[in-house]
């Protein structure tokens, strides 16, 4: 059986113990500020949700309606324990029917660069197409073009670099609102689909 979780199923228990309950960890204030730009009840998809903490929890705390997606069955089990009423799907981004829906926002923290270059190039337009007019996309990826082994999974991680991400965002019909780094130096791309 192919591991569609990019190695995270194999280290899921370790991840959950070490980082899966970090409610106020690195990036939480950034996600919270982004979530506060939406009207109450707005529908947001958390792509690569893991346990749902902190991102899905923040979305719910800010009065948003959350959907979630992750390819690790163990992470999804933990997610369902944490948020039993949130619609969540255990599947890869390549196969998820959630992208046939429309969302006011889509967030992908710590995921994009875990995917192959081809999958990244397919996913960004896919996420953009699933946004309502005026919908927003927030994702993290290193600023520079680089490849490395993920510290936890030892799987290859790939950053296309800011120039390529900007081109993909623009070609997908989105406009970049801004880019910034959080306190952990994670680089964020914040984009909007024009109304």
Protein backbone atom coordinates (compact mmCIF):
# COMPACT_ATOMS: atom_id res chain seq x y z
CA UNK A 1 0.00 0.00 0.00
CA UNK A 2 1.31 3.45 -0.94
CA UNK A 3 1.76 5.94 1.90
CA UNK A 4 -0.07 9.03 0.68
CA UNK A 5 0.80 10.89 3.90
CA UNK A 6 4.38 11.60 2.74
CA UNK A 7 5.77 9.63 5.66
CA UNK A 8 3.62 11.19 8.37
CA UNK A 9 1.58 8.04 9.01
CA UNK A 10 4.78 6.30 10.09
CA UNK A 11 5.62 8.98 12.66
CA UNK A 12 2.06 10.03 13.55
CA UNK A 13 2.17 8.86 17.18
CA UNK A 14 5.47 10.68 17.76
CA UNK A 15 4.10 13.80 16.07
CA UNK A 16 0.91 13.72 18.14
CA UNK A 17 2.85 13.40 21.40
CA UNK A 18 5.34 16.11 20.50
CA UNK A 19 3.45 18.65 18.43
CA UNK A 20 -0.11 17.47 17.93
CA UNK A 21 -1.53 19.31 20.93
CA UNK A 22 0.42 22.60 20.66
CA UNK A 23 -2.52 25.02 20.80
CA UNK A 24 -0.39 28.16 20.94
CA UNK A 25 2.67 26.97 19.03
CA UNK A 26 4.65 28.75 16.35
CA UNK A 27 2.36 30.24 13.73
CA UNK A 28 -0.78 30.19 15.90
CA UNK A 29 -0.98 33.97 16.16
CA UNK A 30 -0.57 34.24 12.37
CA UNK A 31 -3.38 31.76 11.72
CA UNK A 32 -5.57 33.54 14.28
CA UNK A 33 -5.01 36.93 12.62
CA UNK A 34 -5.85 35.44 9.20
CA UNK A 35 -8.98 33.75 10.56
CA UNK A 36 -10.18 37.07 11.98
CA UNK A 37 -10.33 38.54 8.47
CA UNK A 38 -13.37 36.34 7.70
CA UNK A 39 -17.00 36.91 8.62
CA UNK A 40 -18.44 34.62 11.27
CA UNK A 41 -19.64 31.37 9.73
CA UNK A 42 -17.33 31.56 6.72
CA UNK A 43 -16.35 28.12 5.46
CA UNK A 44 -12.64 27.27 5.52
CA UNK A 45 -10.78 24.10 4.50
CA UNK A 46 -7.71 23.05 6.52
CA UNK A 47 -5.52 21.07 4.09
CA UNK A 48 -3.03 18.79 5.83
CA UNK A 49 -4.92 19.23 9.10
CA UNK A 50 -3.09 16.62 11.19
CA UNK A 51 -4.77 16.50 14.60
CA UNK A 52 -6.56 19.79 13.94
CA UNK A 53 -4.49 21.56 16.56
CA UNK A 54 -3.78 24.37 16.26
CA UNK A 55 -5.27 25.39 12.87
CA UNK A 56 -8.76 23.86 12.92
CA UNK A 57 -9.15 24.77 16.60
CA UNK A 58 -8.32 28.39 15.82
CA UNK A 59 -10.77 28.46 12.90
CA UNK A 60 -13.55 27.15 15.15
CA UNK A 61 -12.60 29.47 18.03
CA UNK A 62 -12.91 32.40 15.62
CA UNK A 63 -16.47 31.39 14.65
CA UNK A 64 -15.68 29.85 11.28
CA UNK A 65 -17.07 26.64 9.79
CA UNK A 66 -14.23 24.21 9.23
CA UNK A 67 -13.65 21.28 6.90
CA UNK A 68 -10.42 19.32 7.07
CA UNK A 69 -8.28 16.94 5.07
CA UNK A 70 -5.24 14.79 5.86
CA UNK A 71 -3.77 11.62 4.35
CA UNK A 72 -2.68 10.01 7.64
CA UNK A 73 -5.29 7.66 9.17
CA UNK A 74 -3.72 8.03 12.63
CA UNK A 75 -3.83 11.83 12.41
CA UNK A 76 -7.46 11.66 11.28
CA UNK A 77 -8.35 9.45 14.26
CA UNK A 78 -6.84 12.06 16.58
CA UNK A 79 -8.62 14.83 14.66
CA UNK A 80 -11.99 13.10 15.08
CA UNK A 81 -11.38 12.76 18.83
CA UNK A 82 -10.57 16.47 19.01
CA UNK A 83 -13.35 17.71 16.70
CA UNK A 84 -16.06 15.07 16.25
CA UNK A 85 -18.49 17.42 14.50
CA UNK A 86 -16.07 18.79 11.87
CA UNK A 87 -16.27 17.15 8.42
CA UNK A 88 -12.87 15.56 7.82
CA UNK A 89 -11.59 13.28 5.10
CA UNK A 90 -8.65 10.87 5.16
CA UNK A 91 -7.17 11.07 1.69
CA UNK A 92 -4.46 12.70 -0.34
CA UNK A 93 -4.86 16.17 -1.77
CA UNK A 94 -4.71 14.63 -5.23
CA UNK A 95 -7.88 12.59 -4.64
CA UNK A 96 -9.97 14.70 -2.26
CA UNK A 97 -13.54 15.47 -3.34
CA UNK A 98 -13.46 18.47 -0.99
CA UNK A 99 -11.97 20.42 -3.90
CA UNK A 100 -15.29 19.97 -5.72
CA UNK A 101 -16.85 22.25 -3.08
CA UNK A 102 -16.45 26.00 -2.68
CA UNK A 103 -14.79 27.64 0.30
CA UNK A 104 -14.36 31.15 1.63
CA UNK A 105 -10.84 30.23 2.66
CA UNK A 106 -8.30 27.46 2.33
CA UNK A 107 -5.29 27.11 4.60
CA UNK A 108 -2.32 24.76 4.24
CA UNK A 109 0.29 25.22 6.97
CA UNK A 110 3.35 23.00 6.81
CA UNK A 111 2.11 20.90 3.89
CA UNK A 112 2.87 22.24 0.41
CA UNK A 113 6.62 21.63 0.51
CA UNK A 114 6.09 18.01 1.63
CA UNK A 115 4.53 17.30 -1.75
CA UNK A 116 6.31 16.59 -5.02
CA UNK A 117 6.91 19.47 -7.40
CA UNK A 118 4.26 18.12 -9.78
CA UNK A 119 1.70 17.80 -6.98
CA UNK A 120 2.41 21.34 -5.78
CA UNK A 121 1.97 22.67 -9.31
CA UNK A 122 -1.39 20.88 -9.53
CA UNK A 123 -2.57 21.69 -5.99
CA UNK A 124 -2.26 25.47 -6.03
CA UNK A 125 -4.62 25.88 -9.03
CA UNK A 126 -6.91 23.24 -7.50
CA UNK A 127 -7.14 25.20 -4.24
CA UNK A 128 -7.65 28.45 -6.14
CA UNK A 129 -10.51 26.95 -8.16
CA UNK A 130 -12.23 25.85 -4.94
CA UNK A 131 -12.34 29.40 -3.57
CA UNK A 132 -15.47 31.51 -3.76
CA UNK A 133 -15.04 34.98 -5.29
CA UNK A 134 -13.26 37.00 -2.62
CA UNK A 135 -11.99 33.77 -1.04
CA UNK A 136 -8.54 33.65 0.48
CA UNK A 137 -5.68 31.16 0.41
CA UNK A 138 -2.93 31.01 3.02
CA UNK A 139 -0.06 28.54 2.78
CA UNK A 140 3.49 28.15 3.99
CA UNK A 141 6.54 27.34 1.91
CA UNK A 142 10.17 28.39 2.12
CA UNK A 143 11.07 31.59 0.32
CA UNK A 144 13.96 30.00 -1.54
CA UNK A 145 14.07 27.15 -4.05
CA UNK A 146 15.53 24.26 -2.09
CA UNK A 147 15.28 20.52 -1.46
CA UNK A 148 15.92 18.81 1.89
CA UNK A 149 14.98 15.77 3.93
CA UNK A 150 12.11 16.34 6.35
CA UNK A 151 13.52 16.13 9.89
CA UNK A 152 10.73 13.87 11.13
CA UNK A 153 9.96 11.62 8.16
CA UNK A 154 13.25 11.77 6.26
CA UNK A 155 11.16 12.16 3.10
CA UNK A 156 12.24 14.62 0.41
CA UNK A 157 10.77 18.11 0.85
CA UNK A 158 10.76 20.61 -2.02
CA UNK A 159 10.30 24.35 -2.09
CA UNK A 160 9.69 25.76 -5.57
CA UNK A 161 10.84 29.16 -4.32
CA UNK A 162 8.89 32.39 -3.96
CA UNK A 163 9.10 33.33 -7.65
CA UNK A 164 7.49 30.05 -8.77
CA UNK A 165 4.84 30.20 -6.04
CA UNK A 166 3.96 33.76 -7.03
CA UNK A 167 3.66 32.71 -10.69
CA UNK A 168 1.43 29.74 -9.78
CA UNK A 169 -0.75 31.94 -7.57
CA UNK A 170 -1.16 34.54 -10.32
CA UNK A 171 -1.75 31.96 -13.07
CA UNK A 172 -4.46 30.43 -10.88
CA UNK A 173 -6.47 33.66 -10.86
CA UNK A 174 -5.40 34.82 -7.41
CA UNK A 175 -3.70 38.01 -6.31
CA UNK A 176 -1.11 38.07 -3.57
CA UNK A 177 -2.28 40.18 -0.65
CA UNK A 178 1.02 39.89 1.19
CA UNK A 179 3.86 37.62 2.21
CA UNK A 180 5.39 37.43 5.66
CA UNK A 181 7.27 35.26 8.13
CA UNK A 182 6.02 34.11 11.52
CA UNK A 183 8.07 33.93 14.72
CA UNK A 184 9.49 30.56 13.60
CA UNK A 185 10.59 32.06 10.25
CA UNK A 186 7.96 30.08 8.32
CA UNK A 187 7.16 31.98 5.12
CA UNK A 188 3.47 32.58 4.31
CA UNK A 189 1.81 33.36 0.99
CA UNK A 190 -1.53 35.13 1.51
CA UNK A 191 -3.66 35.41 -1.65
CA UNK A 192 -7.21 36.31 -2.63
CA UNK A 193 -9.52 35.36 -5.48
CA UNK A 194 -10.96 38.52 -6.95
CA UNK A 195 -14.71 39.02 -6.48
